[in-house]
Amino acid sequence: MPNLASARAQRFHAYVERLTTALGHRDRHGPLRAYVTGLCLPGDRKSIEPMAARVDPRHVRARHQSMHHFVANAAWDDAAVLRVARETVLPALERHGPVAAWVVDDTGIPKKGRHSVGVARQYCGVLGKQDNCQVAVSVSVANERASIPVAYRLYVPEAWAQDRRRRRAAGVPEALEFRTKWQMALEQITQLAADGVPAAPVVADAGYGVITAFRDALTAQGIPYIVGISTETTVWAPGRAPLPPPKYRGHGRPPTLVRRTRRHRPLNVRTVAQHLPAAAWRSVTWRQGTRGAMRSRFAAVRVRPAHRDDGRSTPRSEEWLLIEWPRTEAAPIKYWLSTLPPTAPRAELVGLAMLRWRIERDYQELKDELGLDHFEGRGWRGFHHHAALCIAAYAFLAAERLAHFPPAPLALLRPARRPQGFTPRGAPSAS
């Protein structure tokens, strides 16, 4: 075990050296080494001073100042650090199979006050309700063995985007304009494709899937998807489509738009599900959980999405409608639309749809173990620098889990010995 630990530490230090190549100035290398080391050391709090105390307990003030300047003020490119992290973890991930999905998600970070960049009263998934928080939009690459965020950006609510005073105080770039979450995700996907990240279907929850413009934009780029939708999403039932334009009667312009009538109309997906025959439903197992096989009942049928198609000259193309309806439930509980090929097996659709669970686990570990939500600064630059370094640390740990056995614990390093009686500010025991 000592040899394993020593080899692991050597790989970690070699990885950190690769990260420094993304920084430019050499005077930033030392603070990066200290910061990433502090994130990987055991400890409940991963804000700057407690990390400085673990990394260099005899020079806490000086170490704290250098780390704070590095993360909050220094002008290095967080996207470049994420690229190094991505290039490290992708080969390890692909040894266990190709990238299966690009998973779009967002994560909330509860905050008090109104001055931290992007903070607003909005839905916070961590709390399961509307509350004061920051929200970041991300894209992760995933397969059944591993996943890692490869794009991460703060969502700036419209009220923030229009408030010049708060923007200036928090260092929000002047060129930044308001973008909805789905527009941010689409920009990230476009950039990742341009960077040559291995292509895969996009997976997202209903917060993105209900946006027809998001789905249409993916299709326009030739990117397949499987995305959650709401029960009120309308589709044409299997085998049906809008009526063709009426015949031209020789007066005015020839009609070109497809039609609905009072009796020939699309249905919401819940109604479609309730009218499917019993033979349409099959039990599918998608993975093994801690309590045994994860299994439920699904139907998969070909339908045409109907959102505002009466303003189109042609019907929308057929897609998969995937529905989950456990036998123990009185009604279906989840719905997805997918542009995977018509030959895609039901098990493949289910497996991709359920791959989102990995990203929820990633964020839990990023927050609980690596302090993604522990940054105490208020600025745009510090928010993204801290997140990039947390994700970079997580990328190393993910690569270790994939490449070596036994898998490395999240806290793989040992802290330096603290002076007796020392308690950093922000520590749980501090008064």
Protein backbone atom coordinates (compact mmCIF):
# COMPACT_ATOMS: atom_id res chain seq x y z
CA MET A 1 0.00 0.00 0.00
CA PRO A 2 2.78 2.56 0.71
CA ASN A 3 4.12 1.96 -2.84
CA LEU A 4 0.65 2.43 -4.29
CA ALA A 5 0.19 5.65 -2.36
CA SER A 6 3.60 6.90 -3.44
CA ALA A 7 2.91 6.12 -7.11
CA ARG A 8 -0.47 7.84 -6.86
CA ALA A 9 1.12 10.94 -5.34
CA GLN A 10 3.69 11.00 -8.15
CA ARG A 11 0.95 10.81 -10.77
CA PHE A 12 -0.89 13.63 -8.99
CA HIS A 13 2.14 15.90 -8.97
CA ALA A 14 2.80 15.15 -12.67
CA TYR A 15 -0.82 16.03 -13.43
CA VAL A 16 -0.62 19.30 -11.54
CA GLU A 17 2.46 20.19 -13.56
CA ARG A 18 0.42 19.65 -16.75
CA LEU A 19 -2.21 22.03 -15.38
CA THR A 20 0.41 24.74 -14.94
CA THR A 21 1.01 24.75 -18.71
CA ALA A 22 -2.41 26.42 -19.09
CA LEU A 23 -1.49 29.42 -16.93
CA GLY A 24 1.21 31.34 -18.79
CA HIS A 25 3.22 33.20 -16.12
CA ARG A 26 5.43 31.01 -13.94
CA ASP A 27 4.54 33.01 -10.82
CA ARG A 28 1.09 31.41 -10.99
CA HIS A 29 2.42 27.85 -10.88
CA GLY A 30 3.06 27.75 -7.15
CA PRO A 31 -0.39 29.02 -6.15
CA LEU A 32 -2.02 26.53 -8.55
CA ARG A 33 -0.09 23.65 -6.99
CA ALA A 34 -1.13 24.83 -3.53
CA TYR A 35 -4.78 25.34 -4.52
CA VAL A 36 -5.30 21.98 -6.22
CA THR A 37 -3.42 20.23 -3.42
CA GLY A 38 -5.65 21.96 -0.87
CA LEU A 39 -8.76 20.79 -2.72
CA CYS A 40 -7.53 17.17 -2.60
CA LEU A 41 -6.48 17.21 1.04
CA PRO A 42 -8.94 15.89 3.64
CA GLY A 43 -10.96 18.57 5.43
CA ASP A 44 -14.49 19.83 5.80
CA ARG A 45 -13.97 23.33 4.42
CA LYS A 46 -12.34 24.08 1.05
CA SER A 47 -12.38 27.87 1.14
CA ILE A 48 -9.00 29.53 0.75
CA GLU A 49 -7.75 30.07 4.30
CA PRO A 50 -8.50 26.55 5.61
CA MET A 51 -6.77 25.15 2.52
CA ALA A 52 -3.77 27.44 3.08
CA ALA A 53 -3.58 26.17 6.64
CA ARG A 54 -3.47 22.54 5.46
CA VAL A 55 -0.96 23.17 2.68
CA ASP A 56 1.44 25.48 4.53
CA PRO A 57 0.43 25.78 8.21
CA ARG A 58 3.57 27.74 9.23
CA HIS A 59 3.02 30.49 6.66
CA VAL A 60 -0.76 30.68 6.50
CA ARG A 61 -1.10 34.42 5.94
CA ALA A 62 1.36 34.58 3.04
CA ARG A 63 0.02 31.38 1.49
CA HIS A 64 -3.55 32.63 1.87
CA GLN A 65 -2.72 35.93 0.14
CA SER A 66 -1.01 34.25 -2.80
CA MET A 67 -3.80 31.69 -3.27
CA HIS A 68 -6.48 34.37 -2.96
CA HIS A 69 -4.82 36.60 -5.56
CA PHE A 70 -4.32 33.64 -7.87
CA VAL A 71 -7.95 32.51 -7.81
CA ALA A 72 -9.78 35.82 -7.43
CA ASN A 73 -7.68 38.32 -9.40
CA ALA A 74 -5.06 36.74 -11.69
CA ALA A 75 -5.99 36.84 -15.39
CA TRP A 76 -5.61 33.19 -16.41
CA ASP A 77 -7.99 31.25 -18.63
CA ASP A 78 -10.23 28.81 -16.73
CA ALA A 79 -11.32 27.22 -20.03
CA ALA A 80 -7.66 26.30 -20.74
CA VAL A 81 -7.42 24.52 -17.38
CA LEU A 82 -10.63 22.63 -18.16
CA ARG A 83 -9.15 21.55 -21.50
CA VAL A 84 -6.11 20.03 -19.77
CA ALA A 85 -8.42 18.25 -17.32
CA ARG A 86 -10.57 16.97 -20.18
CA GLU A 87 -7.56 15.72 -22.14
CA THR A 88 -6.45 13.82 -19.04
CA VAL A 89 -9.69 12.05 -18.23
CA LEU A 90 -10.98 11.30 -21.75
CA PRO A 91 -8.39 8.61 -22.62
CA ALA A 92 -9.03 6.86 -19.30
CA LEU A 93 -12.79 7.04 -19.85
CA GLU A 94 -12.61 5.78 -23.44
CA ARG A 95 -10.60 2.71 -22.40
CA HIS A 96 -13.88 1.51 -20.87
CA GLY A 97 -16.01 2.39 -23.89
CA PRO A 98 -16.78 5.41 -26.07
CA VAL A 99 -18.35 8.58 -24.75
CA ALA A 100 -22.04 7.65 -24.59
CA ALA A 101 -23.58 11.08 -23.93
CA TRP A 102 -23.05 14.78 -23.45
CA VAL A 103 -25.16 15.51 -20.41
CA VAL A 104 -26.52 19.05 -20.00
CA ASP A 105 -27.28 20.01 -16.43
CA ASP A 106 -27.27 22.93 -14.01
CA THR A 107 -26.40 23.05 -10.35
CA GLY A 108 -27.41 25.49 -7.62
CA ILE A 109 -25.17 26.97 -4.94
CA PRO A 110 -27.13 28.51 -2.03
CA LYS A 111 -25.93 32.02 -1.09
CA LYS A 112 -26.88 34.76 1.32
CA GLY A 113 -26.98 38.44 0.42
CA ARG A 114 -27.21 39.95 -3.05
CA HIS A 115 -23.64 40.88 -3.98
CA SER A 116 -22.10 37.53 -4.98
CA VAL A 117 -22.00 37.40 -8.76
CA GLY A 118 -25.23 36.08 -10.34
CA VAL A 119 -26.98 35.47 -7.03
CA ALA A 120 -30.77 35.78 -7.18
CA ARG A 121 -33.90 34.18 -5.88
CA GLN A 122 -34.36 31.30 -8.31
CA TYR A 123 -34.91 27.55 -8.31
CA CYS A 124 -32.12 25.76 -6.46
CA GLY A 125 -31.97 22.02 -7.11
CA VAL A 126 -29.92 21.40 -3.95
CA LEU A 127 -32.71 22.86 -1.83
CA GLY A 128 -35.57 21.67 -4.05
CA LYS A 129 -37.23 25.10 -4.01
CA GLN A 130 -36.89 28.76 -4.95
CA ASP A 131 -34.23 30.46 -2.84
CA ASN A 132 -31.24 32.77 -2.95
CA CYS A 133 -28.54 31.00 -4.97
CA GLN A 134 -26.13 30.99 -7.88
CA VAL A 135 -26.75 28.58 -10.77
CA ALA A 136 -24.12 27.21 -13.14
CA VAL A 137 -24.85 25.49 -16.46
CA SER A 138 -22.58 22.63 -17.50
CA VAL A 139 -22.02 19.92 -20.09
CA SER A 140 -20.48 16.61 -18.96
CA VAL A 141 -19.12 13.72 -21.00
CA ALA A 142 -20.32 10.37 -19.69
CA ASN A 143 -20.49 6.66 -20.21
CA GLU A 144 -21.57 3.89 -17.85
CA ARG A 145 -18.24 3.92 -15.99
CA ALA A 146 -17.52 7.60 -15.46
CA SER A 147 -18.46 11.20 -16.17
CA ILE A 148 -16.85 14.62 -15.80
CA PRO A 149 -17.96 18.22 -16.50
CA VAL A 150 -16.11 19.62 -19.51
CA ALA A 151 -17.87 23.01 -19.72
CA TYR A 152 -19.08 25.12 -16.79
CA ARG A 153 -20.43 28.66 -16.76
CA LEU A 154 -22.39 30.84 -14.33
CA TYR A 155 -25.95 31.70 -15.32
CA VAL A 156 -26.45 35.45 -15.00
CA PRO A 157 -30.14 36.26 -14.41
CA GLU A 158 -31.65 39.02 -16.55
CA ALA A 159 -31.92 41.40 -13.58
CA TRP A 160 -28.16 41.02 -13.05
CA ALA A 161 -27.38 41.34 -16.74
CA GLN A 162 -29.16 44.73 -16.82
CA ASP A 163 -27.65 46.08 -13.58
CA ARG A 164 -24.47 47.89 -14.60
CA ARG A 165 -23.45 48.77 -11.05
CA ARG A 166 -23.60 45.19 -9.77
CA ARG A 167 -21.97 43.85 -12.94
CA ARG A 168 -19.07 46.27 -12.56
CA ALA A 169 -18.60 45.49 -8.87
CA ALA A 170 -18.54 41.73 -9.54
CA GLY A 171 -16.32 41.97 -12.63
CA VAL A 172 -18.85 40.55 -15.08
CA PRO A 173 -17.34 40.95 -18.59
CA GLU A 174 -18.78 43.95 -20.42
CA ALA A 175 -19.40 41.92 -23.57
CA LEU A 176 -21.54 39.36 -21.72
CA GLU A 177 -25.20 39.54 -22.69
CA PHE A 178 -28.14 37.81 -21.04
CA ARG A 179 -28.56 34.19 -22.13
CA THR A 180 -31.16 31.70 -21.04
CA LYS A 181 -29.84 28.43 -19.65
CA TRP A 182 -30.70 26.52 -22.81
CA GLN A 183 -28.90 29.12 -24.94
CA MET A 184 -25.84 28.81 -22.69
CA ALA A 185 -25.92 25.03 -22.98
CA LEU A 186 -26.19 25.26 -26.76
CA GLU A 187 -23.17 27.59 -26.92
CA GLN A 188 -21.18 25.15 -24.77
CA ILE A 189 -22.17 22.22 -26.99
CA THR A 190 -21.19 24.14 -30.13
CA GLN A 191 -17.79 25.01 -28.65
CA LEU A 192 -17.12 21.44 -27.49
CA ALA A 193 -17.94 20.15 -30.97
CA ALA A 194 -15.54 22.71 -32.47
CA ASP A 195 -12.87 21.57 -29.99
CA GLY A 196 -13.17 18.00 -31.26
CA VAL A 197 -14.64 16.39 -28.14
CA PRO A 198 -15.89 12.92 -29.19
CA ALA A 199 -19.47 13.30 -30.45
CA ALA A 200 -22.37 11.72 -28.57
CA PRO A 201 -26.11 12.24 -28.09
CA VAL A 202 -27.14 15.12 -25.82
CA VAL A 203 -29.02 14.14 -22.66
CA ALA A 204 -30.94 16.75 -20.64
CA ASP A 205 -33.84 17.05 -18.24
CA ALA A 206 -37.18 18.67 -18.95
CA GLY A 207 -35.88 22.13 -18.05
CA TYR A 208 -34.10 22.02 -21.43
CA GLY A 209 -36.15 19.41 -23.27
CA VAL A 210 -39.40 21.39 -23.23
CA ILE A 211 -37.71 24.15 -25.26
CA THR A 212 -38.49 23.38 -28.88
CA ALA A 213 -35.85 25.86 -30.06
CA PHE A 214 -33.19 23.93 -28.10
CA ARG A 215 -34.19 20.62 -29.69
CA ASP A 216 -34.41 22.19 -33.16
CA ALA A 217 -30.95 23.75 -32.80
CA LEU A 218 -29.43 20.38 -31.88
CA THR A 219 -31.10 18.76 -34.88
CA ALA A 220 -29.85 21.56 -37.15
CA GLN A 221 -26.29 20.73 -36.01
CA GLY A 222 -26.84 17.02 -36.61
CA ILE A 223 -26.64 16.19 -32.89
CA PRO A 224 -29.07 13.49 -31.67
CA TYR A 225 -30.68 13.91 -28.27
CA ILE A 226 -32.80 12.29 -25.61
CA VAL A 227 -34.37 14.97 -23.41
CA GLY A 228 -37.01 15.06 -20.73
CA ILE A 229 -40.34 16.76 -21.47
CA SER A 230 -43.40 17.72 -19.45
CA THR A 231 -46.75 15.92 -19.41
CA GLU A 232 -48.29 18.79 -21.36
CA THR A 233 -45.93 18.51 -24.33
CA THR A 234 -48.06 17.81 -27.40
CA VAL A 235 -47.36 15.24 -30.11
CA TRP A 236 -49.26 13.51 -32.87
CA ALA A 237 -50.26 10.02 -31.80
CA PRO A 238 -48.35 7.12 -33.41
CA GLY A 239 -49.21 6.88 -37.10
CA ARG A 240 -50.80 10.35 -37.26
CA ALA A 241 -49.63 13.71 -38.59
CA PRO A 242 -51.10 17.15 -39.33
CA LEU A 243 -53.29 17.42 -42.40
CA PRO A 244 -51.69 18.70 -45.62
CA PRO A 245 -52.48 22.24 -46.84
CA PRO A 246 -55.98 22.55 -48.36
CA LYS A 247 -56.32 22.38 -52.12
CA TYR A 248 -55.75 25.60 -53.99
CA ARG A 249 -59.06 27.04 -55.22
CA GLY A 250 -57.61 29.55 -57.66
CA HIS A 251 -57.95 32.67 -55.52
CA GLY A 252 -55.12 34.45 -53.67
CA ARG A 253 -51.90 32.72 -52.73
CA PRO A 254 -51.81 28.93 -52.70
CA PRO A 255 -52.08 27.61 -49.09
CA THR A 256 -48.81 26.15 -47.83
CA LEU A 257 -49.29 25.41 -44.11
CA VAL A 258 -50.21 22.06 -42.61
CA ARG A 259 -53.51 21.99 -40.72
CA ARG A 260 -55.34 20.85 -37.65
CA THR A 261 -59.08 20.56 -37.34
CA ARG A 262 -61.41 20.30 -34.39
CA ARG A 263 -61.30 16.50 -34.58
CA HIS A 264 -57.81 16.07 -35.97
CA ARG A 265 -55.55 17.49 -33.28
CA PRO A 266 -52.37 16.52 -31.42
CA LEU A 267 -52.53 15.14 -27.87
CA ASN A 268 -50.44 15.75 -24.79
CA VAL A 269 -48.02 12.92 -24.04
CA ARG A 270 -49.89 11.81 -20.93
CA THR A 271 -52.99 11.15 -23.03
CA VAL A 272 -50.90 9.27 -25.60
CA ALA A 273 -49.43 7.10 -22.83
CA GLN A 274 -52.81 6.27 -21.36
CA HIS A 275 -54.12 5.09 -24.76
CA LEU A 276 -51.21 2.76 -25.54
CA PRO A 277 -52.07 -0.96 -25.54
CA ALA A 278 -50.70 -3.23 -22.81
CA ALA A 279 -48.33 -4.82 -25.36
CA ALA A 280 -46.50 -1.49 -25.73
CA TRP A 281 -45.02 -1.75 -22.23
CA ARG A 282 -41.89 -3.70 -21.29
CA SER A 283 -39.76 -3.97 -18.15
CA VAL A 284 -36.20 -2.73 -18.67
CA THR A 285 -33.18 -2.94 -16.35
CA TRP A 286 -30.69 -0.14 -16.94
CA ARG A 287 -28.05 -0.63 -14.22
CA GLN A 288 -27.22 -2.30 -10.93
CA GLY A 289 -27.76 -0.06 -7.91
CA THR A 290 -26.72 -0.44 -4.29
CA ARG A 291 -30.02 -2.22 -3.62
CA GLY A 292 -30.00 -4.41 -6.70
CA ALA A 293 -31.17 -4.01 -10.28
CA MET A 294 -32.64 -0.65 -11.32
CA ARG A 295 -35.73 -1.68 -13.22
CA SER A 296 -38.99 -0.13 -14.39
CA ARG A 297 -41.64 -0.36 -17.11
CA PHE A 298 -41.27 1.62 -20.34
CA ALA A 299 -43.00 2.21 -23.65
CA ALA A 300 -41.22 3.58 -26.73
CA VAL A 301 -43.28 4.74 -29.71
CA ARG A 302 -42.65 6.87 -32.78
CA VAL A 303 -44.48 10.22 -32.77
CA ARG A 304 -44.24 13.67 -34.36
CA PRO A 305 -43.76 16.66 -32.01
CA ALA A 306 -46.55 19.15 -32.57
CA HIS A 307 -45.40 22.44 -31.02
CA ARG A 308 -46.74 25.22 -33.29
CA ASP A 309 -46.49 22.99 -36.35
CA ASP A 310 -49.58 24.65 -37.83
CA GLY A 311 -47.16 27.47 -38.75
CA ARG A 312 -45.01 25.07 -40.81
CA SER A 313 -45.28 23.94 -44.40
CA THR A 314 -44.25 20.35 -43.52
CA PRO A 315 -44.84 18.16 -40.45
CA ARG A 316 -42.01 17.67 -37.99
CA SER A 317 -40.04 14.46 -38.40
CA GLU A 318 -40.87 11.41 -36.31
CA GLU A 319 -39.01 10.96 -33.01
CA TRP A 320 -39.04 8.48 -30.17
CA LEU A 321 -41.41 9.14 -27.30
CA LEU A 322 -40.09 7.20 -24.30
CA ILE A 323 -42.41 6.86 -21.30
CA GLU A 324 -41.79 5.42 -17.84
CA TRP A 325 -44.82 4.04 -16.01
CA PRO A 326 -43.97 1.83 -13.02
CA ARG A 327 -46.58 -0.79 -12.20
CA THR A 328 -46.89 0.70 -8.71
CA GLU A 329 -47.91 4.15 -10.04
CA ALA A 330 -51.36 5.33 -11.08
CA ALA A 331 -49.97 7.32 -14.03
CA PRO A 332 -46.73 7.65 -16.02
CA ILE A 333 -43.98 9.50 -14.15
CA LYS A 334 -41.45 10.53 -16.84
CA TYR A 335 -41.39 11.30 -20.55
CA TRP A 336 -38.59 11.88 -23.07
CA LEU A 337 -38.29 12.79 -26.75
CA SER A 338 -35.36 11.39 -28.71
CA THR A 339 -33.93 11.69 -32.21
CA LEU A 340 -31.93 8.48 -31.93
CA PRO A 341 -32.39 6.30 -35.04
CA PRO A 342 -35.70 4.43 -35.54
CA THR A 343 -33.75 1.18 -35.08
CA ALA A 344 -32.50 2.14 -31.60
CA PRO A 345 -33.44 -0.58 -29.06
CA ARG A 346 -35.65 0.39 -26.15
CA ALA A 347 -32.90 -0.60 -23.70
CA GLU A 348 -30.51 1.88 -25.36
CA LEU A 349 -33.03 4.70 -25.03
CA VAL A 350 -33.60 3.89 -21.38
CA GLY A 351 -29.90 3.57 -20.63
CA LEU A 352 -29.12 6.98 -22.11
CA ALA A 353 -32.08 8.68 -20.44
CA MET A 354 -31.00 7.33 -17.05
CA LEU A 355 -27.35 8.30 -17.49
CA ARG A 356 -28.11 11.66 -15.89
CA TRP A 357 -27.83 10.04 -12.45
CA ARG A 358 -24.06 10.06 -12.86
CA ILE A 359 -23.94 13.84 -13.10
CA GLU A 360 -25.97 14.25 -9.91
CA ARG A 361 -23.39 12.06 -8.15
CA ASP A 362 -20.55 14.08 -9.67
CA TYR A 363 -21.93 17.31 -8.27
CA GLN A 364 -22.51 15.77 -4.89
CA GLU A 365 -18.86 14.73 -4.73
CA LEU A 366 -17.61 18.00 -6.18
CA LYS A 367 -19.44 19.88 -3.44
CA ASP A 368 -19.09 17.53 -0.49
CA GLU A 369 -15.50 16.42 -1.07
CA LEU A 370 -13.83 19.08 -3.23
CA GLY A 371 -15.60 22.25 -2.09
CA LEU A 372 -17.16 23.40 -5.37
CA ASP A 373 -19.69 25.42 -3.34
CA HIS A 374 -17.19 26.67 -0.73
CA PHE A 375 -15.78 29.69 -2.60
CA GLU A 376 -16.35 32.80 -0.49
CA GLY A 377 -15.51 35.49 -3.05
CA ARG A 378 -18.10 37.55 -4.91
CA GLY A 379 -16.49 38.03 -8.31
CA TRP A 380 -17.02 36.51 -11.74
CA ARG A 381 -13.36 35.61 -12.21
CA GLY A 382 -12.98 33.93 -8.81
CA PHE A 383 -16.19 31.95 -9.24
CA HIS A 384 -15.01 30.41 -12.52
CA HIS A 385 -11.39 29.96 -11.45
CA HIS A 386 -12.41 28.08 -8.30
CA ALA A 387 -14.84 25.89 -10.24
CA ALA A 388 -12.25 25.10 -12.95
CA LEU A 389 -9.73 23.98 -10.32
CA CYS A 390 -12.33 21.86 -8.49
CA ILE A 391 -13.27 20.15 -11.76
CA ALA A 392 -9.58 19.70 -12.63
CA ALA A 393 -9.00 17.98 -9.28
CA TYR A 394 -12.06 15.81 -9.87
CA ALA A 395 -10.80 14.89 -13.34
CA PHE A 396 -7.62 13.46 -11.85
CA LEU A 397 -9.60 11.44 -9.33
CA ALA A 398 -11.92 10.17 -12.06
CA ALA A 399 -8.93 9.10 -14.17
CA GLU A 400 -7.44 7.31 -11.15
CA ARG A 401 -10.67 5.41 -10.54
CA LEU A 402 -10.77 4.32 -14.16
CA ALA A 403 -7.12 3.36 -14.55
CA HIS A 404 -6.04 1.91 -11.23
CA PHE A 405 -7.29 -0.58 -8.67
CA PRO A 406 -8.13 -0.11 -5.89
CA PRO A 407 -9.65 3.26 -6.84
CA ALA A 408 -8.13 6.29 -5.17
CA PRO A 409 -10.06 7.88 -2.32
CA LEU A 410 -11.18 11.43 -2.98
CA ALA A 411 -8.85 12.79 -0.30
CA LEU A 412 -5.64 11.14 -1.51
CA LEU A 413 -3.01 13.40 0.12
CA ARG A 414 -1.93 14.06 3.69
CA PRO A 415 -1.95 17.61 5.09
CA ALA A 416 1.12 19.20 6.62
CA ARG A 417 1.20 19.28 10.42
CA ARG A 418 -0.48 22.36 11.89
CA PRO A 419 1.03 24.46 14.67
CA GLN A 420 -0.56 23.55 17.98
CA GLY A 421 -3.76 25.46 18.74
CA PHE A 422 -4.11 26.95 15.24
CA THR A 423 -7.67 27.31 13.89
CA PRO A 424 -8.20 29.06 10.53
CA ARG A 425 -11.09 31.44 10.01
CA GLY A 426 -14.10 29.70 8.53
CA ALA A 427 -13.28 26.37 10.17
CA PRO A 428 -16.22 24.72 11.96
CA SER A 429 -14.51 25.07 15.33
CA ALA A 430 -13.65 28.75 14.86
CA SER A 431 -15.51 31.13 17.15
